[in-house]
């Protein structure tokens, strides 16, 4: 099994690692150095095939879970999605933390329907009882999962399950929030020789693949829209233009500050009191946009697709960076992004840490 490691308590905050199984008896340690935002790898050979657990006081792997010294059983018959299942079996050993025990199970459909979903069930049993959360996975996608599924434990309350395929995969992140479990599912991209590497640093889950780069996934707090969910680190701001149009934009960024996702919305009041909107949304690897970067960390996003051999006349969003600002220029006509009479911004300037845009400008009229 892969080791279950929580590195949040490592004394030296500049270097930490985790252990993961790479096949056979080889164990690889990924050491993350925030000063250089790179990973270094050191391969070791295990002397035995027994389960390895590098644990602090709040983390241990155990096949016989106990709470306060009393043996407990996990009730896997009832899940929050209400899906009837024929059989639930553990994916790995139970994970015993300082406040209870996590179990992760796979539950197969009961009716034999080939279209039915496989349920990945997260169960936490503590002194106050048991809570569960289910995530439904397409049967074919689940059967295509490559290698051993080995959950990992982070920060005393977060469990991750990597549903890796030969290319790409889905990362399930289950967070114990009060008396419930919140599950976030995030797709990621890999090549044939690439695999997802996870680490925990400075209160966030750090994911790394060659295709996606290095991303920080931040847990949403109690004062945010979806507490317990994990979202990619981002910059966001709001601003207004003449006529009462409200503009909001969010830029997802990697650990180098490069933009990897764009989400823009404007709301313009119409004469009859309704609101007309403009929306532009793109994400690197989404199949509907093309991303390129310059040497200064700027980005150009070509929206939509075009036929090879034809002139590339796609709309574009260009994002330039300096040390403090992100300058977003929208080179596009309102159609097809806007409703009638809605206003599409021409330029938006964001400053990290500020919720108000430095400036929002509309296209000039001649």
Protein backbone atom coordinates (compact mmCIF):
# COMPACT_ATOMS: atom_id res chain seq x y z
CA UNK A 1 0.00 0.00 0.00
CA UNK A 2 1.00 3.61 -0.37
CA UNK A 3 1.95 5.26 2.85
CA UNK A 4 -0.66 7.48 4.46
CA UNK A 5 1.18 10.62 5.41
CA UNK A 6 0.10 13.99 6.75
CA UNK A 7 3.02 16.40 6.25
CA UNK A 8 1.30 19.40 7.76
CA UNK A 9 3.29 18.93 10.98
CA UNK A 10 6.74 18.50 9.45
CA UNK A 11 9.09 20.72 11.52
CA UNK A 12 10.93 22.19 8.52
CA UNK A 13 8.32 24.04 6.40
CA UNK A 14 10.65 24.42 3.41
CA UNK A 15 11.04 20.73 2.63
CA UNK A 16 8.54 17.94 3.00
CA UNK A 17 7.58 14.82 1.12
CA UNK A 18 5.24 11.95 0.79
CA UNK A 19 5.65 8.30 -0.05
CA UNK A 20 3.84 6.57 -2.86
CA UNK A 21 4.01 3.19 -4.45
CA UNK A 22 5.31 3.10 -8.01
CA UNK A 23 4.83 -0.62 -8.65
CA UNK A 24 6.41 -3.77 -7.25
CA UNK A 25 8.35 -2.93 -4.13
CA UNK A 26 9.68 0.41 -5.20
CA UNK A 27 8.70 3.40 -3.12
CA UNK A 28 9.32 6.92 -4.37
CA UNK A 29 9.59 9.93 -2.12
CA UNK A 30 8.49 13.21 -3.67
CA UNK A 31 10.18 16.12 -1.93
CA UNK A 32 8.63 19.52 -2.48
CA UNK A 33 10.72 22.67 -2.14
CA UNK A 34 8.48 25.76 -2.11
CA UNK A 35 11.45 28.08 -2.64
CA UNK A 36 11.83 26.71 -6.16
CA UNK A 37 8.32 25.26 -6.73
CA UNK A 38 9.78 22.04 -8.09
CA UNK A 39 9.75 18.38 -7.14
CA UNK A 40 12.79 16.21 -6.65
CA UNK A 41 12.56 12.43 -6.55
CA UNK A 42 14.51 9.91 -4.55
CA UNK A 43 13.89 6.20 -5.19
CA UNK A 44 14.25 3.68 -2.39
CA UNK A 45 13.73 -0.06 -2.25
CA UNK A 46 11.46 -1.62 0.31
CA UNK A 47 12.73 -4.65 2.13
CA UNK A 48 9.21 -6.04 2.58
CA UNK A 49 5.74 -5.79 1.09
CA UNK A 50 4.05 -4.96 4.39
CA UNK A 51 1.98 -1.80 4.74
CA UNK A 52 4.07 1.29 5.41
CA UNK A 53 2.69 4.12 7.52
CA UNK A 54 4.74 7.19 8.31
CA UNK A 55 2.48 8.74 10.87
CA UNK A 56 2.20 11.60 13.29
CA UNK A 57 0.00 11.41 16.36
CA UNK A 58 -3.18 11.93 14.33
CA UNK A 59 -2.69 9.45 11.48
CA UNK A 60 -2.37 5.70 11.31
CA UNK A 61 -3.42 2.86 9.03
CA UNK A 62 -5.37 0.11 10.76
CA UNK A 63 -7.53 -2.79 9.62
CA UNK A 64 -9.18 -3.10 13.06
CA UNK A 65 -10.54 0.39 13.81
CA UNK A 66 -11.29 1.58 17.31
CA UNK A 67 -12.67 4.77 18.83
CA UNK A 68 -11.60 5.52 22.39
CA UNK A 69 -10.35 1.94 22.64
CA UNK A 70 -13.68 0.40 21.60
CA UNK A 71 -13.98 -1.64 18.41
CA UNK A 72 -16.47 -0.23 15.90
CA UNK A 73 -17.98 -1.44 12.64
CA UNK A 74 -18.68 0.59 9.51
CA UNK A 75 -22.26 0.63 8.22
CA UNK A 76 -21.91 0.62 4.43
CA UNK A 77 -25.53 -0.18 3.54
CA UNK A 78 -26.87 3.36 3.37
CA UNK A 79 -25.45 6.19 1.28
CA UNK A 80 -26.49 9.78 0.69
CA UNK A 81 -27.28 9.23 -3.02
CA UNK A 82 -29.85 6.55 -2.19
CA UNK A 83 -28.39 4.12 -4.73
CA UNK A 84 -29.10 0.43 -4.06
CA UNK A 85 -25.85 -1.49 -4.00
CA UNK A 86 -25.17 -5.20 -4.06
CA UNK A 87 -21.83 -5.17 -2.32
CA UNK A 88 -19.55 -2.65 -0.65
CA UNK A 89 -15.97 -3.55 0.06
CA UNK A 90 -13.03 -1.55 1.42
CA UNK A 91 -10.67 -0.01 -1.10
CA UNK A 92 -7.87 0.05 1.46
CA UNK A 93 -7.16 -0.18 5.17
CA UNK A 94 -9.11 2.10 7.47
CA UNK A 95 -7.41 5.37 8.34
CA UNK A 96 -7.46 6.18 12.01
CA UNK A 97 -7.10 9.85 12.87
CA UNK A 98 -7.16 11.74 16.13
CA UNK A 99 -10.94 12.32 15.95
CA UNK A 100 -12.13 9.06 14.41
CA UNK A 101 -11.74 6.62 11.56
CA UNK A 102 -12.06 7.08 7.82
CA UNK A 103 -13.09 4.16 5.61
CA UNK A 104 -13.31 4.25 1.83
CA UNK A 105 -15.43 1.66 0.07
CA UNK A 106 -16.39 0.78 -3.50
CA UNK A 107 -20.04 -0.18 -3.91
CA UNK A 108 -21.19 -2.07 -7.00
CA UNK A 109 -24.71 -1.65 -8.42
CA UNK A 110 -27.29 -4.10 -7.13
CA UNK A 111 -29.49 -4.51 -10.20
CA UNK A 112 -26.85 -5.49 -12.76
CA UNK A 113 -27.69 -2.51 -14.94
CA UNK A 114 -24.67 -1.82 -17.14
CA UNK A 115 -25.54 1.89 -17.07
CA UNK A 116 -25.62 2.05 -13.28
CA UNK A 117 -22.90 3.89 -11.42
CA UNK A 118 -20.23 2.59 -9.10
CA UNK A 119 -20.36 4.38 -5.76
CA UNK A 120 -17.17 5.46 -4.00
CA UNK A 121 -18.30 5.83 -0.41
CA UNK A 122 -16.46 7.82 2.26
CA UNK A 123 -17.35 6.90 5.84
CA UNK A 124 -16.18 8.60 9.02
CA UNK A 125 -16.92 7.07 12.40
CA UNK A 126 -16.21 9.12 15.51
CA UNK A 127 -17.34 9.41 19.09
CA UNK A 128 -20.54 11.18 17.97
CA UNK A 129 -21.54 8.60 15.38
CA UNK A 130 -21.10 7.88 11.70
CA UNK A 131 -21.37 10.12 8.62
CA UNK A 132 -21.09 9.11 4.96
CA UNK A 133 -20.72 10.76 1.58
CA UNK A 134 -21.06 9.11 -1.82
CA UNK A 135 -19.57 9.93 -5.20
CA UNK A 136 -20.99 8.22 -8.29
CA UNK A 137 -18.53 7.10 -10.98
CA UNK A 138 -19.36 5.82 -14.45
CA UNK A 139 -18.89 2.04 -14.47
CA UNK A 140 -16.61 2.05 -17.53
CA UNK A 141 -14.49 4.88 -16.16
CA UNK A 142 -14.11 3.11 -12.84
CA UNK A 143 -13.13 -0.18 -14.48
CA UNK A 144 -10.47 1.72 -16.47
CA UNK A 145 -8.76 2.87 -13.28
CA UNK A 146 -5.09 1.95 -13.61
CA UNK A 147 -3.14 0.38 -10.76
CA UNK A 148 -3.86 0.24 -7.08
CA UNK A 149 -6.24 2.78 -5.53
CA UNK A 150 -4.47 4.01 -2.39
CA UNK A 151 -6.17 6.77 -0.39
CA UNK A 152 -4.02 9.38 1.33
CA UNK A 153 -4.69 11.36 4.51
CA UNK A 154 -3.93 15.07 4.90
CA UNK A 155 -4.15 17.70 7.61
CA UNK A 156 -6.08 15.47 10.00
CA UNK A 157 -9.42 15.75 8.13
CA UNK A 158 -8.92 15.30 4.38
CA UNK A 159 -8.74 12.04 2.40
CA UNK A 160 -7.87 11.86 -1.30
CA UNK A 161 -8.56 9.03 -3.75
CA UNK A 162 -6.81 9.12 -7.13
CA UNK A 163 -8.84 7.42 -9.87
CA UNK A 164 -5.98 7.42 -12.36
CA UNK A 165 -6.31 6.06 -15.88
CA UNK A 166 -3.64 5.42 -18.50
CA UNK A 167 -4.12 9.04 -19.48
CA UNK A 168 -5.80 11.63 -17.27
CA UNK A 169 -7.83 10.84 -14.18
CA UNK A 170 -10.13 12.13 -11.47
CA UNK A 171 -9.07 13.15 -7.98
CA UNK A 172 -11.67 12.74 -5.24
CA UNK A 173 -11.11 14.97 -2.20
CA UNK A 174 -13.20 14.20 0.89
CA UNK A 175 -13.12 16.72 3.73
CA UNK A 176 -14.64 16.20 7.17
CA UNK A 177 -16.43 19.47 7.91
CA UNK A 178 -18.18 19.44 11.28
CA UNK A 179 -20.68 16.58 11.17
CA UNK A 180 -20.59 15.94 7.43
CA UNK A 181 -18.23 14.90 4.66
CA UNK A 182 -17.87 17.14 1.59
CA UNK A 183 -16.54 15.53 -1.60
CA UNK A 184 -14.88 17.46 -4.43
CA UNK A 185 -14.16 15.74 -7.76
CA UNK A 186 -11.48 17.29 -9.97
CA UNK A 187 -10.37 16.05 -13.38
CA UNK A 188 -6.69 16.28 -14.27
CA UNK A 189 -4.58 15.63 -17.35
CA UNK A 190 -1.54 13.38 -17.77
CA UNK A 191 0.48 11.91 -20.61
CA UNK A 192 1.44 8.26 -21.06
CA UNK A 193 4.53 8.51 -18.81
CA UNK A 194 3.10 11.06 -16.40
CA UNK A 195 1.23 10.59 -13.12
CA UNK A 196 -0.38 12.79 -10.52
CA UNK A 197 1.79 13.82 -7.57
CA UNK A 198 0.12 15.18 -4.42
CA UNK A 199 1.48 17.12 -1.48
CA UNK A 200 0.11 19.28 1.32
CA UNK A 201 1.71 22.64 1.96
CA UNK A 202 0.68 25.84 3.72
CA UNK A 203 -2.94 24.79 4.21
CA UNK A 204 -3.56 23.66 0.63
CA UNK A 205 -3.39 20.51 -1.48
CA UNK A 206 -0.71 20.83 -4.17
CA UNK A 207 -1.20 18.78 -7.36
CA UNK A 208 1.43 18.31 -10.05
CA UNK A 209 1.36 16.77 -13.52
CA UNK A 210 3.40 17.61 -16.58
CA UNK A 211 0.26 18.55 -18.51
CA UNK A 212 -1.40 20.76 -15.87
CA UNK A 213 1.69 22.04 -14.08
CA UNK A 214 1.60 22.65 -10.36
CA UNK A 215 -1.68 23.82 -8.83
CA UNK A 216 -2.80 24.78 -5.33
CA UNK A 217 -6.25 23.54 -4.35
CA UNK A 218 -7.63 25.62 -1.50
CA UNK A 219 -10.42 24.49 0.83
CA UNK A 220 -13.36 26.87 1.00
CA UNK A 221 -14.08 28.23 4.47
CA UNK A 222 -17.31 28.55 6.43
CA UNK A 223 -17.89 32.10 5.14
CA UNK A 224 -17.70 31.04 1.48
CA UNK A 225 -20.30 29.68 -0.92
CA UNK A 226 -19.44 25.97 -0.63
CA UNK A 227 -17.59 25.24 2.63
CA UNK A 228 -15.37 22.16 2.51
CA UNK A 229 -15.02 22.06 -1.26
CA UNK A 230 -11.61 22.51 -2.88
CA UNK A 231 -11.04 25.03 -5.65
CA UNK A 232 -7.96 25.98 -7.60
CA UNK A 233 -6.22 29.08 -6.30
CA UNK A 234 -7.56 32.11 -8.15
CA UNK A 235 -7.78 35.88 -8.42
CA UNK A 236 -11.16 37.58 -8.65
CA UNK A 237 -12.58 41.07 -8.77
CA UNK A 238 -15.75 43.01 -9.48
CA UNK A 239 -16.33 46.42 -11.06
CA UNK A 240 -18.97 48.59 -12.70
CA UNK A 241 -19.26 50.66 -15.86
CA UNK A 242 -21.63 53.45 -16.86
CA UNK A 243 -25.24 52.40 -17.10
CA UNK A 244 -25.08 50.13 -14.06
CA UNK A 245 -23.44 47.10 -15.70
CA UNK A 246 -21.69 44.88 -13.16
CA UNK A 247 -18.61 42.96 -14.27
CA UNK A 248 -16.98 40.06 -12.42
CA UNK A 249 -13.99 37.98 -13.42
CA UNK A 250 -12.09 35.07 -11.91
CA UNK A 251 -8.67 33.88 -13.08
CA UNK A 252 -7.47 30.45 -11.96
CA UNK A 253 -3.70 30.44 -11.55
CA UNK A 254 -0.94 27.88 -11.06
CA UNK A 255 1.86 28.13 -8.49
CA UNK A 256 3.89 30.25 -10.92
CA UNK A 257 1.05 32.73 -11.26
CA UNK A 258 0.19 31.74 -14.83
CA UNK A 259 -3.50 31.84 -15.71
CA UNK A 260 -5.04 28.44 -16.47
CA UNK A 261 -8.75 29.30 -16.28
CA UNK A 262 -11.00 32.27 -17.08
CA UNK A 263 -14.56 32.95 -15.92
CA UNK A 264 -16.16 36.30 -16.86
CA UNK A 265 -19.71 37.53 -16.28
CA UNK A 266 -21.44 40.86 -16.86
CA UNK A 267 -24.98 41.84 -15.90
CA UNK A 268 -26.61 44.81 -17.65
CA UNK A 269 -30.03 46.20 -16.63
CA UNK A 270 -32.57 46.32 -19.46
CA UNK A 271 -35.34 48.91 -19.86
CA UNK A 272 -37.99 46.47 -18.62
CA UNK A 273 -36.03 45.81 -15.43
CA UNK A 274 -34.60 42.44 -16.42
CA UNK A 275 -30.87 41.71 -16.48
CA UNK A 276 -29.00 40.82 -19.66
CA UNK A 277 -25.72 38.94 -19.36
CA UNK A 278 -22.43 38.20 -21.09
CA UNK A 279 -20.40 35.10 -20.21
CA UNK A 280 -16.98 33.85 -21.28
CA UNK A 281 -15.58 30.73 -19.70
CA UNK A 282 -12.48 28.77 -20.68
CA UNK A 283 -10.11 26.35 -18.99
CA UNK A 284 -6.83 24.96 -20.20
CA UNK A 285 -7.44 21.44 -21.49
CA UNK A 286 -11.20 21.90 -21.89
CA UNK A 287 -11.12 20.96 -25.59
CA UNK A 288 -12.95 24.17 -26.56
CA UNK A 289 -10.14 26.69 -26.19
CA UNK A 290 -6.45 26.91 -27.06
CA UNK A 291 -3.91 28.35 -24.62
CA UNK A 292 -0.46 29.76 -25.28
CA UNK A 293 2.04 31.54 -23.04
CA UNK A 294 4.81 34.06 -23.57
CA UNK A 295 8.10 34.27 -21.70
CA UNK A 296 6.77 36.92 -19.33
CA UNK A 297 4.03 34.69 -17.95
CA UNK A 298 1.29 36.22 -20.09
CA UNK A 299 -1.46 34.13 -21.65
CA UNK A 300 -3.46 34.15 -24.86
CA UNK A 301 -6.71 32.21 -25.01
CA UNK A 302 -8.24 31.43 -28.41
CA UNK A 303 -11.95 30.78 -27.88
CA UNK A 304 -13.78 28.06 -29.79
CA UNK A 305 -12.40 25.89 -32.56
CA UNK A 306 -11.68 26.33 -36.27
CA UNK A 307 -11.11 24.08 -39.27
CA UNK A 308 -7.50 23.38 -40.16
CA UNK A 309 -6.49 25.12 -43.36
CA UNK A 310 -8.85 28.02 -42.79
CA UNK A 311 -7.88 31.40 -41.42
CA UNK A 312 -7.83 31.39 -37.64
CA UNK A 313 -10.22 34.23 -36.89
CA UNK A 314 -11.23 33.06 -33.44
CA UNK A 315 -11.99 35.52 -30.68
CA UNK A 316 -9.20 35.89 -28.17
CA UNK A 317 -8.56 36.95 -24.60
CA UNK A 318 -5.06 38.23 -23.86
CA UNK A 319 -3.71 38.42 -20.32
CA UNK A 320 -0.51 40.32 -19.55
CA UNK A 321 1.27 40.35 -16.20
CA UNK A 322 3.64 42.59 -14.36
CA UNK A 323 4.77 42.22 -10.76
CA UNK A 324 1.45 43.37 -9.30
CA UNK A 325 -1.25 43.47 -11.97
CA UNK A 326 -3.09 41.18 -14.39
CA UNK A 327 -4.27 43.07 -17.49
CA UNK A 328 -7.07 41.23 -19.33
CA UNK A 329 -7.96 42.38 -22.87
CA UNK A 330 -11.02 40.88 -24.56
CA UNK A 331 -10.67 40.87 -28.35
CA UNK A 332 -14.18 39.68 -29.22
CA UNK A 333 -17.56 40.87 -30.44
CA UNK A 334 -20.53 40.54 -28.05
CA UNK A 335 -22.16 37.79 -30.13
CA UNK A 336 -22.21 34.88 -29.21
CA UNK A 337 -21.26 35.68 -25.61
CA UNK A 338 -23.94 38.24 -24.77
CA UNK A 339 -27.66 38.70 -24.69
CA UNK A 340 -29.27 41.66 -26.45
CA UNK A 341 -28.01 45.04 -25.16
CA UNK A 342 -25.62 43.41 -22.67
CA UNK A 343 -22.20 45.02 -22.31
CA UNK A 344 -18.98 43.07 -22.84
CA UNK A 345 -15.88 44.56 -21.22
CA UNK A 346 -12.92 45.36 -23.43
CA UNK A 347 -10.34 45.53 -20.67
CA UNK A 348 -10.20 44.56 -16.99
CA UNK A 349 -7.23 45.09 -14.65
CA UNK A 350 -6.93 42.94 -11.52
CA UNK A 351 -4.69 43.40 -8.52
CA UNK A 352 -3.99 40.27 -6.40
CA UNK A 353 -5.59 40.61 -2.97
CA UNK A 354 -8.16 43.22 -4.05
CA UNK A 355 -11.82 42.34 -4.50
CA UNK A 356 -12.43 45.45 -6.60
CA UNK A 357 -11.02 45.61 -10.12
CA UNK A 358 -8.42 48.33 -10.63
CA UNK A 359 -10.30 49.32 -13.79
CA UNK A 360 -13.00 48.09 -16.17
CA UNK A 361 -13.28 49.61 -19.63
CA UNK A 362 -15.83 49.11 -22.42
CA UNK A 363 -14.94 49.08 -26.13
CA UNK A 364 -14.48 52.55 -27.56
CA UNK A 365 -16.94 53.79 -30.17
CA UNK A 366 -15.81 55.77 -33.16
